[in-house]
């Protein structure tokens, strides 16, 4: 599993997950809308996803 942080606008970031090499990048959702927030919060979400995966 790979996790990346991408820019989603001015001062906003999104977290994307790639579950397998043949699947496209998928945006992490918060309810029915894509999660968007600061880079610091995105880093925390990325760490939590990678921690839960192991």
C-alpha atoms as a PDB file:
ATOM      1  CA  UNK A   1       0.000   0.000   0.000  1.00  0.00           C
ATOM      2  CA  UNK A   2       1.196   3.480  -0.849  1.00  0.00           C
ATOM      3  CA  UNK A   3      -0.073   6.761   0.550  1.00  0.00           C
ATOM      4  CA  UNK A   4       0.623  10.198  -0.890  1.00  0.00           C
ATOM      5  CA  UNK A   5      -0.330  13.774  -0.123  1.00  0.00           C
ATOM      6  CA  UNK A   6      -1.416  15.909  -3.079  1.00  0.00           C
ATOM      7  CA  UNK A   7      -2.275  19.576  -3.332  1.00  0.00           C
ATOM      8  CA  UNK A   8      -6.030  20.187  -3.702  1.00  0.00           C
ATOM      9  CA  UNK A   9      -6.008  23.958  -3.977  1.00  0.00           C
ATOM     10  CA  UNK A  10      -4.375  26.876  -2.264  1.00  0.00           C
ATOM     11  CA  UNK A  11      -3.253  25.723   1.224  1.00  0.00           C
ATOM     12  CA  UNK A  12      -5.338  22.522   0.998  1.00  0.00           C
ATOM     13  CA  UNK A  13      -4.127  18.954   0.748  1.00  0.00           C
ATOM     14  CA  UNK A  14      -5.751  15.602   0.009  1.00  0.00           C
ATOM     15  CA  UNK A  15      -4.552  12.144   0.958  1.00  0.00           C
ATOM     16  CA  UNK A  16      -4.593   9.446  -1.720  1.00  0.00           C
ATOM     17  CA  UNK A  17      -4.148   5.701  -1.297  1.00  0.00           C
ATOM     18  CA  UNK A  18      -2.924   3.116  -3.803  1.00  0.00           C
ATOM     19  CA  UNK A  19      -3.838  -0.397  -2.641  1.00  0.00           C
ATOM     20  CA  UNK A  20      -2.145  -2.348  -5.469  1.00  0.00           C
ATOM     21  CA  UNK A  21       0.132  -1.559  -8.406  1.00  0.00           C
ATOM     22  CA  UNK A  22      -2.669  -2.082 -10.945  1.00  0.00           C
ATOM     23  CA  UNK A  23      -5.264   0.095  -9.159  1.00  0.00           C
ATOM     24  CA  UNK A  24      -5.514   3.881  -9.584  1.00  0.00           C
ATOM     25  CA  UNK A  25      -4.907   6.339  -6.755  1.00  0.00           C
ATOM     26  CA  UNK A  26      -8.044   6.706  -4.609  1.00  0.00           C
ATOM     27  CA  UNK A  27      -8.853   9.800  -2.560  1.00  0.00           C
ATOM     28  CA  UNK A  28      -9.516   9.347   1.155  1.00  0.00           C
ATOM     29  CA  UNK A  29     -13.095  10.396   1.968  1.00  0.00           C
ATOM     30  CA  UNK A  30     -14.533  11.951   5.123  1.00  0.00           C
ATOM     31  CA  UNK A  31     -18.184  10.998   4.861  1.00  0.00           C
ATOM     32  CA  UNK A  32     -19.478  11.713   1.360  1.00  0.00           C
ATOM     33  CA  UNK A  33     -16.894  14.403   0.477  1.00  0.00           C
ATOM     34  CA  UNK A  34     -13.142  14.074  -0.112  1.00  0.00           C
ATOM     35  CA  UNK A  35     -11.046  14.922   2.924  1.00  0.00           C
ATOM     36  CA  UNK A  36      -9.254  18.254   2.521  1.00  0.00           C
ATOM     37  CA  UNK A  37      -7.187  20.052   5.114  1.00  0.00           C
ATOM     38  CA  UNK A  38      -3.778  21.369   6.086  1.00  0.00           C
ATOM     39  CA  UNK A  39      -0.511  19.627   5.312  1.00  0.00           C
ATOM     40  CA  UNK A  40       0.084  18.884   9.014  1.00  0.00           C
ATOM     41  CA  UNK A  41      -3.269  17.086   9.330  1.00  0.00           C
ATOM     42  CA  UNK A  42      -2.611  15.233   6.067  1.00  0.00           C
ATOM     43  CA  UNK A  43       0.701  13.961   7.466  1.00  0.00           C
ATOM     44  CA  UNK A  44      -1.114  12.647  10.572  1.00  0.00           C
ATOM     45  CA  UNK A  45      -3.705  10.846   8.432  1.00  0.00           C
ATOM     46  CA  UNK A  46      -0.967   9.375   6.243  1.00  0.00           C
ATOM     47  CA  UNK A  47       0.891   8.068   9.304  1.00  0.00           C
ATOM     48  CA  UNK A  48      -2.306   6.597  10.764  1.00  0.00           C
ATOM     49  CA  UNK A  49      -3.172   4.792   7.513  1.00  0.00           C
ATOM     50  CA  UNK A  50       0.334   3.335   7.218  1.00  0.00           C
ATOM     51  CA  UNK A  51       0.309   2.315  10.897  1.00  0.00           C
ATOM     52  CA  UNK A  52      -3.069   0.580  10.561  1.00  0.00           C
ATOM     53  CA  UNK A  53      -1.916  -1.215   7.416  1.00  0.00           C
ATOM     54  CA  UNK A  54       1.088  -2.824   9.137  1.00  0.00           C
END
